[in-house]
Protein backbone atom coordinates (compact mmCIF):
# COMPACT_ATOMS: atom_id res chain seq x y z
CA MET A 1 0.00 0.00 0.00
CA ASN A 2 1.43 3.39 -0.91
CA ALA A 3 2.04 6.13 1.65
CA ILE A 4 -0.93 8.26 0.56
CA ALA A 5 -3.37 5.35 0.76
CA MET A 6 -1.98 4.34 4.18
CA ALA A 7 -2.27 7.92 5.47
CA HIS A 8 -5.90 8.05 4.34
CA LYS A 9 -6.59 4.68 5.95
CA LEU A 10 -5.01 5.82 9.22
CA ASP A 11 -7.05 9.03 9.18
CA THR A 12 -10.25 7.12 8.43
CA TYR A 13 -9.69 4.60 11.24
CA GLY A 14 -8.79 7.39 13.64
CA ARG A 15 -11.97 9.25 12.81
CA LEU A 16 -14.02 6.08 13.23
CA LEU A 17 -12.54 5.43 16.64
CA ARG A 18 -13.18 9.02 17.79
CA GLN A 19 -16.76 8.85 16.48
CA ILE A 20 -17.45 5.59 18.33
CA ARG A 21 -15.95 6.96 21.54
CA ASN A 22 -17.91 10.23 21.29
CA ASP A 23 -21.16 8.38 20.53
CA LEU A 24 -20.69 6.02 23.48
CA ARG A 25 -20.05 8.95 25.82
CA ARG A 26 -23.18 10.76 24.57
CA GLN A 27 -25.38 7.68 24.74
CA HIS A 28 -24.09 6.58 28.15
CA PRO A 29 -23.11 9.65 30.20
CA ASP A 30 -23.36 7.47 33.32
CA TRP A 31 -20.22 5.65 32.13
CA VAL A 32 -18.16 8.85 32.29
CA GLN A 33 -16.45 9.43 35.62
CA PRO A 34 -16.29 12.89 37.25
CA ASN A 35 -12.66 13.24 36.10
CA GLY A 36 -13.76 12.72 32.46
CA GLN A 37 -12.36 9.23 32.08
CA CYS A 38 -14.53 6.46 30.67
CA PRO A 39 -13.25 2.97 31.56
CA VAL A 40 -16.13 1.29 29.72
CA CYS A 41 -15.22 3.24 26.56
CA ASP A 42 -11.61 2.18 27.06
CA CYS A 43 -12.73 -1.44 27.29
CA TYR A 44 -14.79 -1.19 24.09
CA GLU A 45 -11.86 0.49 22.33
CA ALA A 46 -9.48 -2.28 23.41
CA ARG A 47 -11.90 -4.94 22.18
CA LEU A 48 -12.30 -3.17 18.83
CA LEU A 49 -8.53 -2.86 18.43
CA LYS A 50 -8.11 -6.56 19.16
CA LEU A 51 -10.72 -7.50 16.57
CA LEU A 52 -9.29 -5.15 13.97
CA ASP A 53 -5.74 -6.26 14.67
CA ALA A 54 -6.77 -9.84 13.95
CA SER A 55 -8.43 -8.81 10.69
CA ILE A 56 -5.75 -6.50 9.28
CA PRO A 57 -2.91 -8.28 7.47
CA GLU A 58 0.45 -7.37 8.96
CA GLU A 59 2.62 -5.19 6.80
CA SER A 60 6.35 -5.62 6.58
CA ASP A 61 6.90 -2.40 8.54
CA GLY A 62 4.83 -3.66 11.51
CA ASN A 63 1.61 -1.67 11.01
CA SER A 64 -1.27 -2.95 13.09
CA ALA A 65 -4.60 -1.70 14.37
CA ALA A 66 -2.98 -0.49 17.58
CA MET A 67 -0.66 1.74 15.55
CA ILE A 68 -3.55 2.92 13.39
CA PHE A 69 -5.55 4.14 16.37
CA SER A 70 -2.74 5.63 18.42
């Protein structure tokens, strides 16, 4: 995959992750702690990363879902 396509893919995955996190926080404000942290959101994010990591073929430079979303 060329650098431009990879950059677009990274941006798209990043946006998706932010959208999911924002939607979860809006739909479940009771999950958000007074300090702004959301452990349930963190758990869902970790599960999503694990599923995506298993479905994305590894590239020779070590790209994975965890790198995409960081």
